[in-house]
């Protein structure tokens, strides 16, 4: 009996070893099956963001960072919208959103013009500034999460902090892009790639944020915390040339005309947007009108569709349809802008604003669910296309000496225009026809006041750049 037992022991050991080996092999196979989609997707994303020299120049890293930024911002937006807007009846929601605007947007309107000049003083610390903006939003997301759970008033100053940090990141990012251009890569193409990455990330993160909100109100904010912490570390992966200020100066919105005729004198003001070609200021005015329209539509349609949703749809679905239409239009405008490159940017801006104006007028005259969605899409399309054309004009007409600062100042002004449009939208009565008439008037004012200057600029072509010593 002992001999038989001894003889069977090796067979049993071999069987056990073979079973364990098969189990390890199965686990490895499952691991590879789960790992390959993730790594394959990561490789595909990296290949797309680093194509055409973007990887070597560092632009690919900035594209990825902006995608992280967009994902984090939309997580916070989902949490704030559900807290301030969806959680109470419409009348109370209007009061709460008005309070939100008063406590966050109004101070931001005062702070926004200061952001550009402050960041001009950090030409050697742009990576640190972007990382700081990311880390600040990560910490503020946790503060907002506590306020959402406990109903504390700290939600409002924390939301203001998120807004300021987000715009500070945007200003620095605009200033960084020109330093990361690959060879034979236009600024319009670079900005369109960066913008499109942010839009795609927003589209992916929005439903994830909604799913996290279904788990609990603070969960989208926890997700934002994780995303922004990752963005903090990713900011420092940008190449060191981002922090170089070689050949740069500060662009102001007003300057002495003497700069156009001679070298910069000691103690005199530096050249600004008003002295580097009228096309830039006219294009900025047209873009401000579209950005004002964007702020107006966001707040006005949010309440209008909550009270009067699209036919056969709930308020949430109605808002989702309009939001998707706006996002799709913005993405299409970015793609078209990249395809057009820098061809006749003044004419592109004139045509884009005219298209938005015509659509707004038609939507006001024949107000209906379909036309509201169309207006949202066309407004997003026009805004993206006009902004890329403004970038092209800054690249064309603004000397490299002050170009990065010019991007910072123009972005700040556009954000102030958005805030103003949002304030108008929140106080409007919930009358669809009246609201879209106001929307058309906003665009018409911006178009008519800039039309002549932009067409004249297009006829004269490239403007001579001022001499700056």
Protein backbone atom coordinates (compact mmCIF):
# COMPACT_ATOMS: atom_id res chain seq x y z
CA UNK A 1 0.00 0.00 0.00
CA UNK A 2 2.84 2.35 0.83
CA UNK A 3 4.49 1.50 -2.51
CA UNK A 4 1.29 2.26 -4.44
CA UNK A 5 0.80 5.54 -2.63
CA UNK A 6 4.40 6.48 -3.30
CA UNK A 7 4.03 5.63 -6.97
CA UNK A 8 0.92 7.81 -7.34
CA UNK A 9 2.41 10.86 -5.61
CA UNK A 10 4.50 12.04 -8.60
CA UNK A 11 1.47 11.72 -10.86
CA UNK A 12 -0.63 13.77 -8.49
CA UNK A 13 2.14 16.36 -8.23
CA UNK A 14 2.41 16.55 -12.00
CA UNK A 15 -1.38 16.96 -12.25
CA UNK A 16 -1.40 19.72 -9.65
CA UNK A 17 1.54 21.47 -11.31
CA UNK A 18 -0.09 21.24 -14.71
CA UNK A 19 -3.35 22.66 -13.32
CA UNK A 20 -1.52 25.56 -11.66
CA UNK A 21 0.38 26.22 -14.87
CA UNK A 22 -2.81 26.24 -16.88
CA UNK A 23 -4.37 28.60 -14.34
CA UNK A 24 -1.41 31.00 -14.54
CA UNK A 25 -1.55 30.85 -18.31
CA UNK A 26 -5.27 31.60 -18.30
CA UNK A 27 -4.75 34.53 -15.95
CA UNK A 28 -1.99 35.88 -18.19
CA UNK A 29 -4.23 35.51 -21.24
CA UNK A 30 -7.07 37.35 -19.54
CA UNK A 31 -4.63 40.02 -18.41
CA UNK A 32 -3.36 40.46 -21.95
CA UNK A 33 -6.92 40.59 -23.29
CA UNK A 34 -7.81 43.33 -20.82
CA UNK A 35 -4.48 45.12 -21.18
CA UNK A 36 -4.36 45.29 -24.97
CA UNK A 37 -7.42 47.52 -25.47
CA UNK A 38 -6.10 50.00 -22.91
CA UNK A 39 -2.55 50.06 -24.24
CA UNK A 40 -3.78 49.97 -27.82
CA UNK A 41 -6.05 52.95 -27.19
CA UNK A 42 -3.24 54.79 -25.42
CA UNK A 43 -0.89 54.13 -28.34
CA UNK A 44 -3.50 55.33 -30.83
CA UNK A 45 -4.07 58.53 -28.85
CA UNK A 46 -0.34 59.12 -28.50
CA UNK A 47 0.17 58.52 -32.22
CA UNK A 48 -2.56 61.03 -33.10
CA UNK A 49 -1.39 63.74 -30.70
CA UNK A 50 2.28 63.34 -31.66
CA UNK A 51 1.81 63.21 -35.44
CA UNK A 52 3.51 65.55 -37.94
CA UNK A 53 6.29 66.58 -35.61
CA UNK A 54 4.05 67.46 -32.65
CA UNK A 55 5.79 64.86 -30.50
CA UNK A 56 9.27 66.26 -31.17
CA UNK A 57 8.24 69.90 -30.63
CA UNK A 58 6.31 69.24 -27.43
CA UNK A 59 2.94 70.21 -28.91
CA UNK A 60 1.69 66.65 -28.40
CA UNK A 61 2.21 67.00 -24.64
CA UNK A 62 0.21 70.23 -24.63
CA UNK A 63 -2.60 68.58 -26.61
CA UNK A 64 -2.80 65.81 -24.00
CA UNK A 65 -2.67 68.33 -21.16
CA UNK A 66 -5.54 70.31 -22.68
CA UNK A 67 -7.59 67.13 -22.99
CA UNK A 68 -7.04 66.53 -19.26
CA UNK A 69 -8.05 70.13 -18.58
CA UNK A 70 -11.29 69.75 -20.54
CA UNK A 71 -12.20 66.50 -18.79
CA UNK A 72 -11.65 67.99 -15.34
CA UNK A 73 -13.60 71.15 -16.08
CA UNK A 74 -16.62 69.25 -17.35
CA UNK A 75 -16.66 67.10 -14.20
CA UNK A 76 -16.93 70.24 -12.07
CA UNK A 77 -19.53 71.69 -14.44
CA UNK A 78 -21.70 68.58 -14.08
CA UNK A 79 -21.49 68.77 -10.29
CA UNK A 80 -22.29 72.51 -10.14
CA UNK A 81 -25.13 72.25 -12.65
CA UNK A 82 -26.79 69.47 -10.70
CA UNK A 83 -26.35 71.38 -7.43
CA UNK A 84 -27.27 74.91 -8.47
CA UNK A 85 -29.67 74.25 -11.35
CA UNK A 86 -31.38 70.85 -11.35
CA UNK A 87 -31.91 70.29 -7.64
CA UNK A 88 -34.62 72.94 -7.11
CA UNK A 89 -37.75 74.25 -8.90
CA UNK A 90 -37.27 76.61 -11.84
CA UNK A 91 -38.08 79.86 -10.02
CA UNK A 92 -35.73 79.03 -7.18
CA UNK A 93 -33.11 77.84 -9.64
CA UNK A 94 -33.13 81.22 -11.39
CA UNK A 95 -32.45 82.91 -8.08
CA UNK A 96 -29.69 80.49 -7.21
CA UNK A 97 -28.03 80.84 -10.61
CA UNK A 98 -28.33 84.63 -10.36
CA UNK A 99 -26.66 84.42 -6.95
CA UNK A 100 -24.01 82.16 -8.45
CA UNK A 101 -23.36 84.73 -11.20
CA UNK A 102 -23.23 87.60 -8.72
CA UNK A 103 -20.77 85.87 -6.40
CA UNK A 104 -18.58 84.20 -9.02
CA UNK A 105 -18.93 85.86 -12.42
CA UNK A 106 -19.10 89.49 -11.25
CA UNK A 107 -15.82 89.32 -9.31
CA UNK A 108 -14.33 87.37 -12.20
CA UNK A 109 -15.19 90.24 -14.56
CA UNK A 110 -13.01 92.45 -12.36
CA UNK A 111 -10.27 89.87 -11.93
CA UNK A 112 -10.09 88.68 -15.55
CA UNK A 113 -8.32 91.79 -16.91
CA UNK A 114 -5.69 91.33 -14.20
CA UNK A 115 -4.90 87.72 -15.13
CA UNK A 116 -3.03 88.58 -18.31
CA UNK A 117 -0.72 91.23 -16.77
CA UNK A 118 0.04 88.99 -13.80
CA UNK A 119 0.96 86.08 -16.05
CA UNK A 120 3.12 88.39 -18.16
CA UNK A 121 5.33 88.65 -15.09
CA UNK A 122 5.83 84.86 -15.12
CA UNK A 123 7.44 84.27 -18.54
CA UNK A 124 9.94 81.86 -16.96
CA UNK A 125 7.35 79.93 -14.96
CA UNK A 126 4.65 78.93 -17.41
CA UNK A 127 4.84 75.21 -16.61
CA UNK A 128 4.59 76.02 -12.92
CA UNK A 129 1.67 78.38 -13.62
CA UNK A 130 -0.23 75.69 -15.53
CA UNK A 131 0.54 73.13 -12.83
CA UNK A 132 -0.61 75.60 -10.19
CA UNK A 133 -3.89 76.17 -12.03
CA UNK A 134 -4.42 72.40 -12.15
CA UNK A 135 -3.54 71.83 -8.49
CA UNK A 136 -5.73 74.74 -7.37
CA UNK A 137 -8.74 73.24 -9.14
CA UNK A 138 -7.99 69.83 -7.66
CA UNK A 139 -8.08 71.23 -4.12
CA UNK A 140 -11.09 73.44 -4.84
CA UNK A 141 -12.96 70.41 -6.19
CA UNK A 142 -12.61 68.79 -2.77
CA UNK A 143 -13.87 71.98 -1.08
CA UNK A 144 -16.88 72.08 -3.40
CA UNK A 145 -17.53 68.39 -2.70
CA UNK A 146 -17.73 69.17 1.01
CA UNK A 147 -20.02 72.13 0.33
CA UNK A 148 -22.31 70.00 -1.84
CA UNK A 149 -22.56 67.36 0.86
CA UNK A 150 -23.06 69.82 3.73
CA UNK A 151 -24.81 72.70 1.94
CA UNK A 152 -22.09 75.17 2.90
CA UNK A 153 -21.71 78.64 1.38
CA UNK A 154 -18.06 77.95 0.59
CA UNK A 155 -19.33 76.53 -2.72
CA UNK A 156 -19.50 80.05 -4.24
CA UNK A 157 -16.00 81.35 -3.49
CA UNK A 158 -14.61 77.92 -4.38
CA UNK A 159 -16.46 78.04 -7.70
CA UNK A 160 -15.01 81.50 -8.32
CA UNK A 161 -11.56 80.10 -7.62
CA UNK A 162 -12.15 77.29 -10.12
CA UNK A 163 -13.25 79.81 -12.74
CA UNK A 164 -10.22 82.04 -12.23
CA UNK A 165 -7.83 79.07 -12.26
CA UNK A 166 -9.44 77.70 -15.42
CA UNK A 167 -9.09 81.02 -17.24
CA UNK A 168 -5.53 81.45 -15.98
CA UNK A 169 -4.70 78.07 -17.49
CA UNK A 170 -6.37 79.13 -20.75
CA UNK A 171 -4.38 82.34 -20.94
CA UNK A 172 -1.06 80.57 -20.32
CA UNK A 173 -1.95 77.84 -22.81
CA UNK A 174 -2.62 80.45 -25.50
CA UNK A 175 0.77 81.98 -24.81
CA UNK A 176 2.54 78.62 -24.89
CA UNK A 177 1.25 77.30 -28.23
CA UNK A 178 3.46 79.53 -30.44
CA UNK A 179 6.57 78.20 -28.69
CA UNK A 180 5.69 74.57 -29.48
CA UNK A 181 4.94 74.82 -33.20
CA UNK A 182 6.53 72.01 -35.25
CA UNK A 183 8.26 72.98 -38.51
CA UNK A 184 5.85 74.03 -41.28
CA UNK A 185 2.98 73.94 -38.79
CA UNK A 186 0.59 76.92 -38.79
CA UNK A 187 -0.69 78.37 -35.56
CA UNK A 188 -4.27 77.79 -36.73
CA UNK A 189 -3.58 74.09 -37.23
CA UNK A 190 -1.89 73.82 -33.83
CA UNK A 191 -4.71 75.60 -32.03
CA UNK A 192 -7.32 73.51 -33.82
CA UNK A 193 -5.62 70.31 -32.65
CA UNK A 194 -5.44 71.55 -29.08
CA UNK A 195 -9.07 72.72 -29.13
CA UNK A 196 -10.35 69.53 -30.74
CA UNK A 197 -8.59 67.42 -28.10
CA UNK A 198 -10.34 69.43 -25.39
CA UNK A 199 -13.72 69.01 -27.06
CA UNK A 200 -13.28 65.25 -27.49
CA UNK A 201 -12.21 64.86 -23.87
CA UNK A 202 -15.21 66.90 -22.76
CA UNK A 203 -17.54 64.68 -24.79
CA UNK A 204 -16.07 61.55 -23.19
CA UNK A 205 -15.97 62.92 -19.63
CA UNK A 206 -19.49 64.42 -19.59
CA UNK A 207 -21.39 61.09 -19.53
CA UNK A 208 -18.85 59.70 -17.08
CA UNK A 209 -19.51 62.69 -14.83
CA UNK A 210 -23.26 62.12 -15.14
CA UNK A 211 -22.76 58.48 -14.17
CA UNK A 212 -20.68 59.48 -11.14
CA UNK A 213 -23.38 61.94 -10.16
CA UNK A 214 -25.88 59.09 -10.16
CA UNK A 215 -23.70 57.41 -7.52
CA UNK A 216 -23.65 60.55 -5.37
CA UNK A 217 -23.51 64.35 -5.70
CA UNK A 218 -19.83 64.71 -4.69
CA UNK A 219 -18.50 61.92 -6.93
CA UNK A 220 -17.95 64.00 -10.11
CA UNK A 221 -15.87 66.33 -7.95
CA UNK A 222 -13.77 63.42 -6.70
CA UNK A 223 -13.25 62.49 -10.33
CA UNK A 224 -12.20 66.08 -11.09
CA UNK A 225 -9.71 65.94 -8.22
CA UNK A 226 -8.01 62.86 -9.67
CA UNK A 227 -7.96 64.34 -13.19
CA UNK A 228 -6.48 67.67 -12.10
CA UNK A 229 -3.82 65.99 -9.96
CA UNK A 230 -2.77 64.07 -13.07
CA UNK A 231 -2.76 67.36 -14.98
CA UNK A 232 -0.49 68.90 -12.35
CA UNK A 233 2.21 66.32 -13.03
CA UNK A 234 1.61 66.39 -16.78
CA UNK A 235 2.22 70.16 -16.85
CA UNK A 236 5.84 69.62 -15.87
CA UNK A 237 6.31 67.15 -18.74
CA UNK A 238 6.16 70.04 -21.22
CA UNK A 239 9.57 70.91 -22.72
CA UNK A 240 11.72 73.51 -20.92
CA UNK A 241 11.45 75.97 -23.85
CA UNK A 242 7.90 76.70 -22.64
CA UNK A 243 9.51 78.68 -19.81
CA UNK A 244 11.81 80.63 -22.12
CA UNK A 245 10.94 84.29 -22.65
CA UNK A 246 13.66 84.92 -25.24
CA UNK A 247 12.54 87.54 -27.74
CA UNK A 248 9.25 88.29 -25.99
CA UNK A 249 7.74 91.45 -24.58
CA UNK A 250 4.41 92.54 -23.14
CA UNK A 251 1.49 93.54 -25.37
CA UNK A 252 -0.85 96.22 -24.07
CA UNK A 253 -4.28 97.22 -25.30
CA UNK A 254 -3.21 100.83 -25.68
CA UNK A 255 0.13 102.31 -26.62
CA UNK A 256 1.78 105.42 -28.01
CA UNK A 257 1.55 105.76 -31.77
CA UNK A 258 5.23 106.70 -31.80
CA UNK A 259 6.06 102.99 -31.72
CA UNK A 260 4.96 102.74 -35.33
CA UNK A 261 7.66 105.17 -36.40
CA UNK A 262 10.71 104.39 -34.38
CA UNK A 263 12.42 102.14 -31.82
CA UNK A 264 11.03 101.68 -28.35
CA UNK A 265 12.26 104.49 -26.12
CA UNK A 266 13.31 103.92 -22.56
CA UNK A 267 10.37 104.33 -20.21
CA UNK A 268 7.80 104.40 -23.03
CA UNK A 269 4.86 102.04 -23.31
CA UNK A 270 5.30 98.86 -25.31
CA UNK A 271 3.38 98.23 -28.52
CA UNK A 272 -0.12 96.90 -28.07
CA UNK A 273 -3.00 95.39 -29.99
CA UNK A 274 -4.14 98.80 -31.22
CA UNK A 275 -0.79 99.48 -32.87
CA UNK A 276 -0.16 96.19 -34.64
CA UNK A 277 -2.86 96.35 -37.27
CA UNK A 278 -6.59 97.12 -37.16
CA UNK A 279 -7.49 93.64 -38.36
CA UNK A 280 -6.70 92.18 -34.94
CA UNK A 281 -8.90 94.61 -33.03
CA UNK A 282 -11.79 94.24 -35.50
CA UNK A 283 -11.48 90.45 -35.36
CA UNK A 284 -11.41 90.61 -31.58
CA UNK A 285 -14.63 92.65 -31.60
CA UNK A 286 -16.37 90.13 -33.86
CA UNK A 287 -15.19 87.24 -31.69
CA UNK A 288 -16.37 89.06 -28.58
CA UNK A 289 -19.87 89.24 -30.09
CA UNK A 290 -19.89 85.48 -30.71
CA UNK A 291 -18.52 84.75 -27.24
CA UNK A 292 -21.18 87.03 -25.76
CA UNK A 293 -23.80 85.08 -27.72
CA UNK A 294 -22.39 81.82 -26.33
CA UNK A 295 -22.77 83.00 -22.73
CA UNK A 296 -26.25 84.30 -23.44
CA UNK A 297 -27.48 81.06 -25.06
CA UNK A 298 -26.07 78.85 -22.32
CA UNK A 299 -28.01 80.58 -19.54
CA UNK A 300 -31.10 81.59 -21.47
CA UNK A 301 -31.70 78.20 -23.10
CA UNK A 302 -30.95 76.39 -19.85
CA UNK A 303 -33.99 77.98 -18.19
CA UNK A 304 -36.14 78.17 -21.29
CA UNK A 305 -35.77 74.44 -22.03
CA UNK A 306 -36.28 73.53 -18.42
CA UNK A 307 -39.62 75.35 -18.42
CA UNK A 308 -40.53 74.56 -22.05
CA UNK A 309 -38.60 71.45 -23.15
CA UNK A 310 -38.37 70.28 -26.73
CA UNK A 311 -41.45 68.51 -28.02
CA UNK A 312 -41.80 65.05 -26.52
CA UNK A 313 -38.60 65.30 -24.46
CA UNK A 314 -37.78 65.95 -20.83
CA UNK A 315 -35.91 69.07 -19.72
CA UNK A 316 -32.67 67.13 -19.15
CA UNK A 317 -32.87 65.46 -22.58
CA UNK A 318 -33.69 68.78 -24.23
CA UNK A 319 -30.65 70.42 -22.68
CA UNK A 320 -28.57 67.42 -23.68
CA UNK A 321 -29.69 67.68 -27.32
CA UNK A 322 -28.83 71.37 -27.51
CA UNK A 323 -25.52 70.79 -25.73
CA UNK A 324 -24.54 67.99 -28.11
CA UNK A 325 -25.52 70.17 -31.09
CA UNK A 326 -23.33 73.01 -29.81
CA UNK A 327 -20.42 70.67 -29.15
CA UNK A 328 -20.73 69.06 -32.59
CA UNK A 329 -20.83 72.49 -34.24
CA UNK A 330 -17.76 73.58 -32.29
CA UNK A 331 -15.86 70.45 -33.30
CA UNK A 332 -16.86 70.88 -36.96
CA UNK A 333 -15.75 74.52 -36.88
CA UNK A 334 -12.39 73.44 -35.46
CA UNK A 335 -11.92 70.84 -38.21
CA UNK A 336 -12.93 73.28 -40.96
CA UNK A 337 -10.66 75.95 -39.50
CA UNK A 338 -7.73 73.54 -39.59
CA UNK A 339 -8.51 72.70 -43.21
CA UNK A 340 -8.77 76.37 -44.23
CA UNK A 341 -5.52 77.13 -42.38
CA UNK A 342 -4.78 80.88 -42.62
CA UNK A 343 -6.59 81.68 -45.87
CA UNK A 344 -8.26 85.13 -45.76
CA UNK A 345 -9.00 85.09 -42.00
CA UNK A 346 -10.86 88.42 -42.15
CA UNK A 347 -13.29 87.06 -44.75
CA UNK A 348 -13.73 83.83 -42.77
CA UNK A 349 -14.67 85.85 -39.66
CA UNK A 350 -17.11 88.04 -41.62
CA UNK A 351 -18.72 84.96 -43.18
CA UNK A 352 -18.87 83.04 -39.88
CA UNK A 353 -20.53 85.90 -38.00
CA UNK A 354 -22.95 86.49 -40.90
CA UNK A 355 -23.92 82.81 -40.85
CA UNK A 356 -24.61 82.93 -37.10
CA UNK A 357 -26.54 86.19 -37.48
CA UNK A 358 -28.73 84.78 -40.26
CA UNK A 359 -29.43 81.60 -38.28
CA UNK A 360 -30.32 83.58 -35.15
CA UNK A 361 -32.69 85.80 -37.14
CA UNK A 362 -34.43 82.78 -38.73
CA UNK A 363 -34.67 81.01 -35.36
CA UNK A 364 -36.24 84.15 -33.84
CA UNK A 365 -38.79 84.52 -36.65
CA UNK A 366 -39.76 80.83 -36.80
CA UNK A 367 -39.05 79.77 -33.25
CA UNK A 368 -39.14 76.02 -32.79
CA UNK A 369 -37.33 73.06 -31.28
CA UNK A 370 -35.41 72.18 -34.43
CA UNK A 371 -34.22 75.74 -35.04
CA UNK A 372 -33.04 76.08 -31.42
CA UNK A 373 -30.78 73.04 -31.91
CA UNK A 374 -29.63 74.38 -35.29
CA UNK A 375 -28.77 77.76 -33.75
CA UNK A 376 -26.75 76.06 -31.01
CA UNK A 377 -24.81 74.07 -33.61
CA UNK A 378 -24.21 77.05 -35.91
CA UNK A 379 -23.19 79.27 -32.97
CA UNK A 380 -20.64 76.66 -31.89
CA UNK A 381 -19.39 76.31 -35.47
CA UNK A 382 -19.03 80.07 -35.96
CA UNK A 383 -17.35 80.62 -32.62
CA UNK A 384 -14.69 77.97 -33.28
CA UNK A 385 -14.03 79.13 -36.84
CA UNK A 386 -13.82 82.82 -35.90
CA UNK A 387 -11.50 82.12 -32.95
CA UNK A 388 -9.09 80.15 -35.13
CA UNK A 389 -9.12 83.01 -37.66
CA UNK A 390 -8.38 85.50 -34.87
CA UNK A 391 -5.40 83.33 -33.91
CA UNK A 392 -4.23 83.45 -37.54
CA UNK A 393 -4.47 87.24 -37.58
CA UNK A 394 -2.49 87.56 -34.37
CA UNK A 395 0.16 85.33 -35.89
CA UNK A 396 0.18 87.41 -39.06
CA UNK A 397 -0.02 90.96 -37.71
CA UNK A 398 1.44 90.87 -34.20
CA UNK A 399 5.26 90.87 -33.94
CA UNK A 400 6.75 87.81 -32.31
CA UNK A 401 8.12 90.14 -29.65
CA UNK A 402 4.63 90.62 -28.19
CA UNK A 403 2.64 87.76 -29.74
CA UNK A 404 2.34 85.48 -26.71
CA UNK A 405 1.17 88.39 -24.56
CA UNK A 406 -1.36 89.34 -27.24
CA UNK A 407 -2.90 85.88 -27.03
CA UNK A 408 -3.22 86.25 -23.28
CA UNK A 409 -4.92 89.63 -23.48
CA UNK A 410 -7.33 88.63 -26.26
CA UNK A 411 -8.41 85.50 -24.38
CA UNK A 412 -9.12 87.57 -21.27
CA UNK A 413 -11.32 90.00 -23.21
CA UNK A 414 -13.27 87.13 -24.78
CA UNK A 415 -13.94 85.64 -21.35
CA UNK A 416 -15.28 88.98 -20.11
CA UNK A 417 -17.61 89.07 -23.14
CA UNK A 418 -18.87 85.58 -22.24
CA UNK A 419 -19.60 86.70 -18.68
CA UNK A 420 -21.55 89.72 -19.94
CA UNK A 421 -23.63 87.54 -22.28
CA UNK A 422 -24.39 85.13 -19.47
CA UNK A 423 -25.58 87.96 -17.24
CA UNK A 424 -27.99 89.14 -19.96
CA UNK A 425 -29.26 85.59 -20.45
CA UNK A 426 -30.08 85.09 -16.78
CA UNK A 427 -32.30 88.17 -16.51
CA UNK A 428 -34.25 87.59 -19.73
CA UNK A 429 -37.92 86.55 -19.49
CA UNK A 430 -38.53 82.99 -20.67
CA UNK A 431 -39.90 83.93 -24.07
CA UNK A 432 -38.19 82.02 -26.86
CA UNK A 433 -38.87 84.49 -29.67
CA UNK A 434 -37.83 87.51 -27.58
CA UNK A 435 -34.71 85.76 -26.37
CA UNK A 436 -33.53 84.84 -29.86
CA UNK A 437 -34.25 88.37 -31.09
CA UNK A 438 -31.88 89.60 -28.38
CA UNK A 439 -29.37 86.94 -29.49
CA UNK A 440 -29.59 88.19 -33.08
CA UNK A 441 -29.13 91.81 -31.92
CA UNK A 442 -25.98 90.86 -29.97
CA UNK A 443 -24.44 89.29 -33.07
CA UNK A 444 -25.63 92.08 -35.37
CA UNK A 445 -23.96 94.75 -33.25
CA UNK A 446 -20.65 92.88 -33.28
CA UNK A 447 -20.89 92.18 -37.02
CA UNK A 448 -21.86 95.64 -38.19
CA UNK A 449 -19.26 97.43 -36.06
CA UNK A 450 -16.43 95.26 -37.40
CA UNK A 451 -17.58 94.46 -40.95
CA UNK A 452 -16.10 97.49 -42.70
CA UNK A 453 -12.75 97.25 -40.92
CA UNK A 454 -12.34 93.53 -41.59
CA UNK A 455 -13.19 93.85 -45.29
CA UNK A 456 -10.81 96.80 -45.65
CA UNK A 457 -8.09 94.79 -43.92
CA UNK A 458 -8.68 91.83 -46.25
CA UNK A 459 -8.33 94.10 -49.30
CA UNK A 460 -5.02 95.53 -48.12
CA UNK A 461 -3.61 92.12 -47.20
CA UNK A 462 -0.82 91.66 -44.65
CA UNK A 463 -0.09 94.74 -42.57
CA UNK A 464 3.41 95.97 -41.87
CA UNK A 465 4.54 95.21 -38.37
CA UNK A 466 5.82 97.96 -36.11
CA UNK A 467 9.46 98.24 -35.28
CA UNK A 468 10.27 97.38 -31.70
CA UNK A 469 13.78 97.66 -30.35
